[in-house]
Amino acid sequence: MSNLNLRNITNSFQDVRLASLASWRQATEITPRDRGGPYVVMQDGYDPEDPRVIADEFVLGRSGKWLSLSHFYQLPVPERRAEFIFGTVAEVMKMMSNLPSKVEIIRPGAPGEAAPAPAQAEPDEMAAALQAGKSQPPSAAS
């Protein structure tokens, strides 16, 4: 992630990218699912309220809130799956079209936000699939 062109994250379609989790062993359990899915919606940038302006990767949840990728990896897989995994591009577009212009970020440890669970001891197949999906160019969804 190059800091050169980064800016505050937004709720704009143009600023996000989809990372395919198609290589994840449990991908077939996500329904409905299009040919390239399931997906995680990602964006590189800065938390608009972070005065330190530290570049980070964020994932977008069904709640319309963003979470730092490092905190995402600390969540149990069932919580990640329920909040952050989308089966189709159409599902992502519908959710994003209803987002407000102001970005909301989940900040674990902040008042009113739950702290993430401790990191998992077993291999994290979803994280491996996400890393693989991040490095692939986007493909056309069916």
Protein backbone atom coordinates (compact mmCIF):
# COMPACT_ATOMS: atom_id res chain seq x y z
CA MET A 1 0.00 0.00 0.00
CA SER A 2 1.63 3.17 -1.20
CA ASN A 3 0.84 6.21 0.96
CA LEU A 4 1.46 8.55 -1.97
CA ASN A 5 -2.08 8.59 -3.39
CA LEU A 6 -4.07 7.72 -0.28
CA ARG A 7 -6.74 9.93 1.24
CA ASN A 8 -9.59 9.64 3.72
CA ILE A 9 -11.76 6.64 3.01
CA THR A 10 -15.16 7.34 1.47
CA ASN A 11 -18.45 5.60 0.82
CA SER A 12 -18.02 6.06 -2.94
CA PHE A 13 -18.18 3.17 -5.42
CA GLN A 14 -15.14 4.58 -7.23
CA ASP A 15 -12.90 4.24 -4.19
CA VAL A 16 -13.59 0.63 -3.19
CA ARG A 17 -12.37 -2.65 -4.57
CA LEU A 18 -13.83 -6.11 -4.26
CA ALA A 19 -11.61 -8.92 -3.07
CA SER A 20 -12.91 -12.32 -4.12
CA LEU A 21 -13.01 -15.12 -1.57
CA ALA A 22 -13.73 -17.70 -4.30
CA SER A 23 -10.69 -19.73 -3.22
CA TRP A 24 -11.99 -20.01 0.36
CA ARG A 25 -13.02 -23.59 1.15
CA GLN A 26 -16.35 -22.43 2.62
CA ALA A 27 -17.18 -20.08 -0.29
CA THR A 28 -19.80 -22.50 -1.61
CA GLU A 29 -21.76 -22.08 1.63
CA ILE A 30 -22.49 -18.43 0.78
CA THR A 31 -25.77 -18.13 -1.12
CA PRO A 32 -26.69 -16.47 -3.28
CA ARG A 33 -23.26 -16.18 -4.84
CA ASP A 34 -22.18 -15.06 -8.30
CA ARG A 35 -19.31 -16.56 -10.27
CA GLY A 36 -16.59 -14.42 -8.66
CA GLY A 37 -18.04 -14.38 -5.15
CA PRO A 38 -18.16 -14.25 -2.28
CA TYR A 39 -16.55 -10.85 -1.78
CA VAL A 40 -15.13 -8.47 0.78
CA VAL A 41 -15.43 -4.73 0.06
CA MET A 42 -12.09 -3.03 0.73
CA GLN A 43 -10.51 0.39 0.63
CA ASP A 44 -7.04 1.74 1.38
CA GLY A 45 -6.80 5.12 3.05
CA TYR A 46 -7.06 7.02 6.29
CA ASP A 47 -9.65 7.09 9.03
CA PRO A 48 -11.14 10.59 8.55
CA GLU A 49 -11.12 11.15 12.31
CA ASP A 50 -7.58 9.92 12.97
CA PRO A 51 -5.36 12.95 13.65
CA ARG A 52 -2.27 10.74 13.17
CA VAL A 53 -3.24 10.12 9.51
CA ILE A 54 -2.02 6.53 9.48
CA ALA A 55 -2.66 4.61 6.25
CA ASP A 56 -4.67 1.44 6.70
CA GLU A 57 -6.78 -1.10 4.83
CA PHE A 58 -10.47 -1.16 5.70
CA VAL A 59 -13.34 -3.57 5.05
CA LEU A 60 -16.97 -2.52 4.74
CA GLY A 61 -19.69 -4.30 6.68
CA ARG A 62 -23.39 -4.79 6.02
CA SER A 63 -23.98 -2.19 8.72
CA GLY A 64 -22.40 0.39 6.39
CA LYS A 65 -19.49 0.81 8.78
CA TRP A 66 -15.83 0.33 8.00
CA LEU A 67 -13.40 -1.72 10.09
CA SER A 68 -9.62 -1.83 9.96
CA LEU A 69 -8.45 -5.04 8.28
CA SER A 70 -6.27 -5.83 11.30
CA HIS A 71 -9.37 -5.79 13.54
CA PHE A 72 -11.30 -7.81 10.94
CA TYR A 73 -8.72 -10.60 11.25
CA GLN A 74 -9.20 -10.61 15.02
CA LEU A 75 -12.93 -11.30 14.76
CA PRO A 76 -14.16 -14.89 14.88
CA VAL A 77 -14.93 -16.25 11.39
CA PRO A 78 -18.71 -16.48 12.02
CA GLU A 79 -18.82 -12.75 12.91
CA ARG A 80 -16.70 -11.83 9.87
CA ARG A 81 -18.91 -13.95 7.67
CA ALA A 82 -22.17 -12.45 8.96
CA GLU A 83 -21.11 -8.80 8.75
CA PHE A 84 -18.44 -8.50 6.05
CA ILE A 85 -18.98 -11.20 3.40
CA PHE A 86 -21.17 -10.47 0.37
CA GLY A 87 -22.25 -13.19 -2.06
CA THR A 88 -22.85 -11.04 -5.14
CA VAL A 89 -21.74 -7.78 -6.68
CA ALA A 90 -25.41 -6.76 -6.86
CA GLU A 91 -25.68 -7.16 -3.09
CA VAL A 92 -22.66 -4.89 -2.61
CA MET A 93 -24.03 -2.25 -4.99
CA LYS A 94 -27.44 -2.23 -3.30
CA MET A 95 -25.90 -1.82 0.16
CA MET A 96 -23.48 0.88 -1.00
CA SER A 97 -26.19 2.86 -2.77
CA ASN A 98 -27.86 3.39 0.61
CA LEU A 99 -24.75 4.60 2.44
CA PRO A 100 -24.64 8.16 3.79
CA SER A 101 -21.93 10.48 2.53
CA LYS A 102 -20.24 10.53 5.96
CA VAL A 103 -18.08 7.49 6.63
CA GLU A 104 -18.63 5.56 9.85
CA ILE A 105 -15.78 3.52 11.27
CA ILE A 106 -15.91 0.81 13.90
CA ARG A 107 -13.16 1.62 16.38
CA PRO A 108 -12.77 -1.32 18.78
CA GLY A 109 -12.00 -0.09 22.25
CA ALA A 110 -13.85 3.19 21.71
CA PRO A 111 -16.86 3.83 23.96
CA GLY A 112 -19.83 1.89 22.63
CA GLU A 113 -17.74 -0.41 20.43
CA ALA A 114 -16.95 -4.01 21.29
CA ALA A 115 -13.29 -4.98 21.43
CA PRO A 116 -12.30 -7.71 18.97
CA ALA A 117 -11.87 -11.23 20.24
CA PRO A 118 -8.32 -12.51 20.63
CA ALA A 119 -6.64 -13.84 17.48
CA GLN A 120 -7.47 -17.41 16.54
CA ALA A 121 -4.93 -20.16 17.08
CA GLU A 122 -6.01 -22.38 14.14
CA PRO A 123 -5.12 -21.57 10.54
CA ASP A 124 -7.35 -18.86 9.13
CA GLU A 125 -8.50 -20.06 5.70
CA MET A 126 -10.67 -16.98 5.14
CA ALA A 127 -7.67 -14.69 5.72
CA ALA A 128 -5.60 -16.74 3.26
CA ALA A 129 -8.38 -16.54 0.64
CA LEU A 130 -8.71 -12.78 1.21
CA GLN A 131 -4.98 -12.25 0.73
CA ALA A 132 -5.15 -14.27 -2.49
CA GLY A 133 -8.22 -12.33 -3.66
CA LYS A 134 -6.58 -8.96 -2.96
CA SER A 135 -3.76 -9.78 -5.35
CA GLN A 136 -6.05 -10.76 -8.25
CA PRO A 137 -7.44 -8.27 -10.72
CA PRO A 138 -11.22 -7.89 -10.57
CA SER A 139 -13.16 -10.28 -12.76
CA ALA A 140 -16.55 -9.88 -14.36
CA ALA A 141 -19.36 -11.19 -12.19
CA SER A 142 -22.23 -13.12 -13.64
